[in-house]
């Protein structure tokens, strides 16, 4: 998916002129946060008292209602550039992803961003959870198929729910097994 986003910026440089969408996508791609939680991030959540981007922040999961810490070291540079972009445009808001009414953008606004990216790439299946699923599947494969880890990151209550979310329900698993030669 990162390659697709890079392709969008090559095909349509205006996507970088307003980095709000690409920053949201980077957060989706590099964290386990759902889009609803990302859209509610405040600037004060990610900046320390000196105005530097933190290495982690504390947030309340909309799914579980629990408070969690989130490591954001791998996207500190992107967040710093985005906050600088907001400051350069003298956007005075508490929200990291504000709308014109000084509220945070909602899932519908983000869906429109993803729809635009999909149109630019000729992909008709991009939605608000595409990046979260992509990241979860990446963790699943790179952790040697540790479904418990993915289940925990996604705050799912069962392995069956996580497998279904990843598109690895019983039917797709059986289809994959049918293709393996146990010779």
C-alpha atoms as a PDB file:
ATOM      1  CA  UNK A   1       0.000   0.000   0.000  1.00  0.00           C
ATOM      2  CA  UNK A   2       2.930   2.349   0.681  1.00  0.00           C
ATOM      3  CA  UNK A   3       3.950   1.921  -2.948  1.00  0.00           C
ATOM      4  CA  UNK A   4       0.424   2.841  -4.034  1.00  0.00           C
ATOM      5  CA  UNK A   5       0.499   6.026  -1.955  1.00  0.00           C
ATOM      6  CA  UNK A   6       3.914   6.897  -3.389  1.00  0.00           C
ATOM      7  CA  UNK A   7       2.468   6.312  -6.857  1.00  0.00           C
ATOM      8  CA  UNK A   8      -0.396   8.708  -6.095  1.00  0.00           C
ATOM      9  CA  UNK A   9       2.047  11.475  -5.224  1.00  0.00           C
ATOM     10  CA  UNK A  10       3.973  10.848  -8.453  1.00  0.00           C
ATOM     11  CA  UNK A  11       0.833  10.758 -10.599  1.00  0.00           C
ATOM     12  CA  UNK A  12      -0.803  13.677  -8.824  1.00  0.00           C
ATOM     13  CA  UNK A  13       1.678  15.927  -6.956  1.00  0.00           C
ATOM     14  CA  UNK A  14      -1.242  17.970  -5.576  1.00  0.00           C
ATOM     15  CA  UNK A  15      -1.814  15.093  -3.127  1.00  0.00           C
ATOM     16  CA  UNK A  16       1.299  16.348  -1.308  1.00  0.00           C
ATOM     17  CA  UNK A  17       0.086  19.961  -1.349  1.00  0.00           C
ATOM     18  CA  UNK A  18      -2.404  19.020   1.349  1.00  0.00           C
ATOM     19  CA  UNK A  19      -0.684  16.259   3.331  1.00  0.00           C
ATOM     20  CA  UNK A  20      -3.657  15.647   5.632  1.00  0.00           C
ATOM     21  CA  UNK A  21      -4.776  12.549   3.725  1.00  0.00           C
ATOM     22  CA  UNK A  22      -1.300  11.093   3.316  1.00  0.00           C
ATOM     23  CA  UNK A  23      -0.529  11.654   7.029  1.00  0.00           C
ATOM     24  CA  UNK A  24      -3.725   9.849   8.051  1.00  0.00           C
ATOM     25  CA  UNK A  25      -2.813   7.007   5.707  1.00  0.00           C
ATOM     26  CA  UNK A  26       0.703   6.824   7.187  1.00  0.00           C
ATOM     27  CA  UNK A  27      -0.790   6.578  10.682  1.00  0.00           C
ATOM     28  CA  UNK A  28      -3.128   3.821   9.512  1.00  0.00           C
ATOM     29  CA  UNK A  29      -0.249   1.998   7.843  1.00  0.00           C
ATOM     30  CA  UNK A  30       2.165   2.317  10.762  1.00  0.00           C
ATOM     31  CA  UNK A  31      -0.072   1.882  13.804  1.00  0.00           C
ATOM     32  CA  UNK A  32      -2.890  -0.357  14.922  1.00  0.00           C
ATOM     33  CA  UNK A  33      -5.243   2.604  15.360  1.00  0.00           C
ATOM     34  CA  UNK A  34      -8.575   2.558  13.587  1.00  0.00           C
ATOM     35  CA  UNK A  35      -9.455   5.584  11.487  1.00  0.00           C
ATOM     36  CA  UNK A  36     -12.012   6.801  14.044  1.00  0.00           C
ATOM     37  CA  UNK A  37      -9.259   7.089  16.687  1.00  0.00           C
ATOM     38  CA  UNK A  38      -6.781   8.711  14.289  1.00  0.00           C
ATOM     39  CA  UNK A  39      -9.229  11.421  13.282  1.00  0.00           C
ATOM     40  CA  UNK A  40      -9.719  12.379  16.945  1.00  0.00           C
ATOM     41  CA  UNK A  41      -6.018  12.935  17.690  1.00  0.00           C
ATOM     42  CA  UNK A  42      -5.265  16.372  19.098  1.00  0.00           C
ATOM     43  CA  UNK A  43      -2.038  18.200  18.368  1.00  0.00           C
ATOM     44  CA  UNK A  44      -1.327  18.206  22.124  1.00  0.00           C
ATOM     45  CA  UNK A  45      -1.484  14.388  22.053  1.00  0.00           C
ATOM     46  CA  UNK A  46       1.576  14.124  19.824  1.00  0.00           C
ATOM     47  CA  UNK A  47       3.636  17.191  20.825  1.00  0.00           C
ATOM     48  CA  UNK A  48       5.590  17.595  24.043  1.00  0.00           C
ATOM     49  CA  UNK A  49       5.852  20.896  25.959  1.00  0.00           C
ATOM     50  CA  UNK A  50       8.702  22.078  23.710  1.00  0.00           C
ATOM     51  CA  UNK A  51       6.705  21.439  20.542  1.00  0.00           C
ATOM     52  CA  UNK A  52       8.590  18.302  19.526  1.00  0.00           C
ATOM     53  CA  UNK A  53       6.789  15.196  18.298  1.00  0.00           C
ATOM     54  CA  UNK A  54       6.656  12.590  21.053  1.00  0.00           C
ATOM     55  CA  UNK A  55       7.828   9.012  20.573  1.00  0.00           C
ATOM     56  CA  UNK A  56       4.505   7.710  21.905  1.00  0.00           C
ATOM     57  CA  UNK A  57       1.183   8.996  23.153  1.00  0.00           C
ATOM     58  CA  UNK A  58      -1.653   7.903  25.395  1.00  0.00           C
ATOM     59  CA  UNK A  59      -5.097   7.507  23.820  1.00  0.00           C
ATOM     60  CA  UNK A  60      -8.502   6.060  24.540  1.00  0.00           C
ATOM     61  CA  UNK A  61      -9.549   3.329  22.120  1.00  0.00           C
ATOM     62  CA  UNK A  62     -13.005   3.992  20.720  1.00  0.00           C
ATOM     63  CA  UNK A  63     -13.453   0.257  20.272  1.00  0.00           C
ATOM     64  CA  UNK A  64     -12.639  -0.909  23.804  1.00  0.00           C
ATOM     65  CA  UNK A  65     -12.912   2.289  25.839  1.00  0.00           C
ATOM     66  CA  UNK A  66      -9.515   1.455  27.353  1.00  0.00           C
ATOM     67  CA  UNK A  67      -6.515   3.760  27.496  1.00  0.00           C
ATOM     68  CA  UNK A  68      -3.432   2.577  25.651  1.00  0.00           C
ATOM     69  CA  UNK A  69       0.036   3.827  24.730  1.00  0.00           C
ATOM     70  CA  UNK A  70       0.949   4.023  21.073  1.00  0.00           C
ATOM     71  CA  UNK A  71       4.512   4.040  19.728  1.00  0.00           C
ATOM     72  CA  UNK A  72       4.874   6.619  16.930  1.00  0.00           C
ATOM     73  CA  UNK A  73       8.684   6.696  16.596  1.00  0.00           C
ATOM     74  CA  UNK A  74       8.588   5.358  13.045  1.00  0.00           C
ATOM     75  CA  UNK A  75       6.415   8.249  11.835  1.00  0.00           C
ATOM     76  CA  UNK A  76       7.777  11.109  13.952  1.00  0.00           C
ATOM     77  CA  UNK A  77       9.341  12.775  10.907  1.00  0.00           C
ATOM     78  CA  UNK A  78       6.067  12.621   8.949  1.00  0.00           C
ATOM     79  CA  UNK A  79       4.101  14.030  11.884  1.00  0.00           C
ATOM     80  CA  UNK A  80       6.649  16.822  12.363  1.00  0.00           C
ATOM     81  CA  UNK A  81       6.401  17.815   8.693  1.00  0.00           C
ATOM     82  CA  UNK A  82       2.606  17.742   8.852  1.00  0.00           C
ATOM     83  CA  UNK A  83       2.479  19.919  12.005  1.00  0.00           C
ATOM     84  CA  UNK A  84       4.903  22.344  10.321  1.00  0.00           C
ATOM     85  CA  UNK A  85       2.573  22.403   7.306  1.00  0.00           C
ATOM     86  CA  UNK A  86      -0.352  23.321   9.607  1.00  0.00           C
ATOM     87  CA  UNK A  87       1.737  26.017  11.311  1.00  0.00           C
ATOM     88  CA  UNK A  88       2.906  27.481   7.991  1.00  0.00           C
ATOM     89  CA  UNK A  89      -0.728  27.898   6.988  1.00  0.00           C
ATOM     90  CA  UNK A  90      -1.518  29.424  10.389  1.00  0.00           C
ATOM     91  CA  UNK A  91      -4.106  26.767  11.119  1.00  0.00           C
ATOM     92  CA  UNK A  92      -4.986  27.456  14.750  1.00  0.00           C
ATOM     93  CA  UNK A  93      -6.766  24.366  16.037  1.00  0.00           C
ATOM     94  CA  UNK A  94      -6.501  21.710  18.711  1.00  0.00           C
ATOM     95  CA  UNK A  95      -7.161  18.929  16.179  1.00  0.00           C
ATOM     96  CA  UNK A  96      -4.403  17.208  14.222  1.00  0.00           C
ATOM     97  CA  UNK A  97      -6.811  16.702  11.308  1.00  0.00           C
ATOM     98  CA  UNK A  98      -9.198  19.675  11.433  1.00  0.00           C
ATOM     99  CA  UNK A  99     -12.059  20.485   9.127  1.00  0.00           C
ATOM    100  CA  UNK A 100     -13.132  23.992   8.108  1.00  0.00           C
ATOM    101  CA  UNK A 101     -15.365  24.322  11.192  1.00  0.00           C
ATOM    102  CA  UNK A 102     -12.472  23.681  13.624  1.00  0.00           C
ATOM    103  CA  UNK A 103     -13.690  20.191  14.438  1.00  0.00           C
ATOM    104  CA  UNK A 104     -11.845  17.007  13.510  1.00  0.00           C
ATOM    105  CA  UNK A 105     -12.674  15.560  10.117  1.00  0.00           C
ATOM    106  CA  UNK A 106     -15.034  12.616  10.269  1.00  0.00           C
ATOM    107  CA  UNK A 107     -14.956   9.167   8.681  1.00  0.00           C
ATOM    108  CA  UNK A 108     -17.033  10.385   5.735  1.00  0.00           C
ATOM    109  CA  UNK A 109     -14.382  13.031   4.947  1.00  0.00           C
ATOM    110  CA  UNK A 110     -11.675  10.393   5.155  1.00  0.00           C
ATOM    111  CA  UNK A 111     -13.664   8.032   2.970  1.00  0.00           C
ATOM    112  CA  UNK A 112     -13.685  10.758   0.299  1.00  0.00           C
ATOM    113  CA  UNK A 113      -9.882  11.028   0.596  1.00  0.00           C
ATOM    114  CA  UNK A 114      -9.507   7.259   0.165  1.00  0.00           C
ATOM    115  CA  UNK A 115     -11.966   7.296  -2.730  1.00  0.00           C
ATOM    116  CA  UNK A 116      -9.836   9.977  -4.421  1.00  0.00           C
ATOM    117  CA  UNK A 117      -6.689   7.899  -3.914  1.00  0.00           C
ATOM    118  CA  UNK A 118      -8.479   4.858  -5.348  1.00  0.00           C
ATOM    119  CA  UNK A 119      -9.606   6.826  -8.400  1.00  0.00           C
ATOM    120  CA  UNK A 120      -6.062   8.075  -8.996  1.00  0.00           C
ATOM    121  CA  UNK A 121      -4.781   4.508  -8.841  1.00  0.00           C
ATOM    122  CA  UNK A 122      -7.656   2.880 -10.675  1.00  0.00           C
ATOM    123  CA  UNK A 123      -8.557   0.840  -7.558  1.00  0.00           C
ATOM    124  CA  UNK A 124     -12.217   0.640  -6.589  1.00  0.00           C
ATOM    125  CA  UNK A 125     -11.918  -1.166  -3.242  1.00  0.00           C
ATOM    126  CA  UNK A 126     -10.131   1.390  -1.069  1.00  0.00           C
ATOM    127  CA  UNK A 127     -12.086   2.188   2.067  1.00  0.00           C
ATOM    128  CA  UNK A 128     -11.574   3.568   5.525  1.00  0.00           C
ATOM    129  CA  UNK A 129     -10.310   0.246   6.916  1.00  0.00           C
ATOM    130  CA  UNK A 130      -8.120  -0.824   3.989  1.00  0.00           C
ATOM    131  CA  UNK A 131      -4.888   0.391   5.591  1.00  0.00           C
ATOM    132  CA  UNK A 132      -5.737  -1.099   8.998  1.00  0.00           C
ATOM    133  CA  UNK A 133      -6.357  -4.492   7.409  1.00  0.00           C
ATOM    134  CA  UNK A 134      -3.170  -4.179   5.357  1.00  0.00           C
ATOM    135  CA  UNK A 135      -1.130  -3.381   8.477  1.00  0.00           C
ATOM    136  CA  UNK A 136      -2.751  -6.201  10.454  1.00  0.00           C
ATOM    137  CA  UNK A 137      -2.040  -8.704   7.693  1.00  0.00           C
ATOM    138  CA  UNK A 138       1.575  -7.476   7.491  1.00  0.00           C
ATOM    139  CA  UNK A 139       2.001  -8.032  11.257  1.00  0.00           C
ATOM    140  CA  UNK A 140       0.402 -11.473  10.921  1.00  0.00           C
ATOM    141  CA  UNK A 141       2.825 -12.604   8.200  1.00  0.00           C
ATOM    142  CA  UNK A 142       5.973 -10.945   9.623  1.00  0.00           C
ATOM    143  CA  UNK A 143       5.307 -12.366  13.105  1.00  0.00           C
ATOM    144  CA  UNK A 144       5.257 -15.898  11.679  1.00  0.00           C
ATOM    145  CA  UNK A 145       1.456 -15.981  11.722  1.00  0.00           C
ATOM    146  CA  UNK A 146       1.074 -14.989  15.372  1.00  0.00           C
ATOM    147  CA  UNK A 147      -2.700 -14.557  15.389  1.00  0.00           C
ATOM    148  CA  UNK A 148      -2.713 -13.761  19.120  1.00  0.00           C
ATOM    149  CA  UNK A 149      -0.486 -10.731  18.529  1.00  0.00           C
ATOM    150  CA  UNK A 150      -2.720  -9.439  15.729  1.00  0.00           C
ATOM    151  CA  UNK A 151      -5.829 -10.137  17.791  1.00  0.00           C
ATOM    152  CA  UNK A 152      -4.379  -8.088  20.643  1.00  0.00           C
ATOM    153  CA  UNK A 153      -3.331  -5.200  18.385  1.00  0.00           C
ATOM    154  CA  UNK A 154      -6.794  -5.030  16.823  1.00  0.00           C
ATOM    155  CA  UNK A 155      -8.540  -5.416  20.196  1.00  0.00           C
ATOM    156  CA  UNK A 156     -10.557  -8.361  18.899  1.00  0.00           C
ATOM    157  CA  UNK A 157     -12.232 -10.709  21.354  1.00  0.00           C
ATOM    158  CA  UNK A 158     -11.565 -13.929  19.434  1.00  0.00           C
ATOM    159  CA  UNK A 159      -9.131 -15.457  16.995  1.00  0.00           C
ATOM    160  CA  UNK A 160     -12.033 -16.317  14.698  1.00  0.00           C
ATOM    161  CA  UNK A 161     -12.970 -12.629  14.487  1.00  0.00           C
ATOM    162  CA  UNK A 162      -9.370 -11.689  13.653  1.00  0.00           C
ATOM    163  CA  UNK A 163      -9.042 -14.399  11.013  1.00  0.00           C
ATOM    164  CA  UNK A 164     -12.283 -13.264   9.409  1.00  0.00           C
ATOM    165  CA  UNK A 165     -11.106  -9.623   9.516  1.00  0.00           C
ATOM    166  CA  UNK A 166      -7.895 -10.650   7.740  1.00  0.00           C
ATOM    167  CA  UNK A 167      -9.903 -12.570   5.153  1.00  0.00           C
ATOM    168  CA  UNK A 168      -8.605 -15.873   6.477  1.00  0.00           C
ATOM    169  CA  UNK A 169     -11.840 -17.461   7.555  1.00  0.00           C
ATOM    170  CA  UNK A 170     -12.330 -21.217   7.367  1.00  0.00           C
ATOM    171  CA  UNK A 171     -13.382 -21.250   3.708  1.00  0.00           C
ATOM    172  CA  UNK A 172     -10.411 -19.222   2.463  1.00  0.00           C
ATOM    173  CA  UNK A 173      -8.052 -21.274   4.651  1.00  0.00           C
ATOM    174  CA  UNK A 174      -9.418 -24.504   3.158  1.00  0.00           C
ATOM    175  CA  UNK A 175      -9.042 -23.055  -0.354  1.00  0.00           C
ATOM    176  CA  UNK A 176      -5.380 -22.235   0.376  1.00  0.00           C
ATOM    177  CA  UNK A 177      -4.778 -25.714   1.816  1.00  0.00           C
ATOM    178  CA  UNK A 178      -6.298 -27.300  -1.302  1.00  0.00           C
ATOM    179  CA  UNK A 179      -3.509 -25.699  -3.354  1.00  0.00           C
ATOM    180  CA  UNK A 180      -0.676 -27.113  -1.213  1.00  0.00           C
ATOM    181  CA  UNK A 181       1.031 -30.267  -2.404  1.00  0.00           C
ATOM    182  CA  UNK A 182       1.705 -32.410   0.666  1.00  0.00           C
ATOM    183  CA  UNK A 183       3.275 -34.925  -1.702  1.00  0.00           C
END
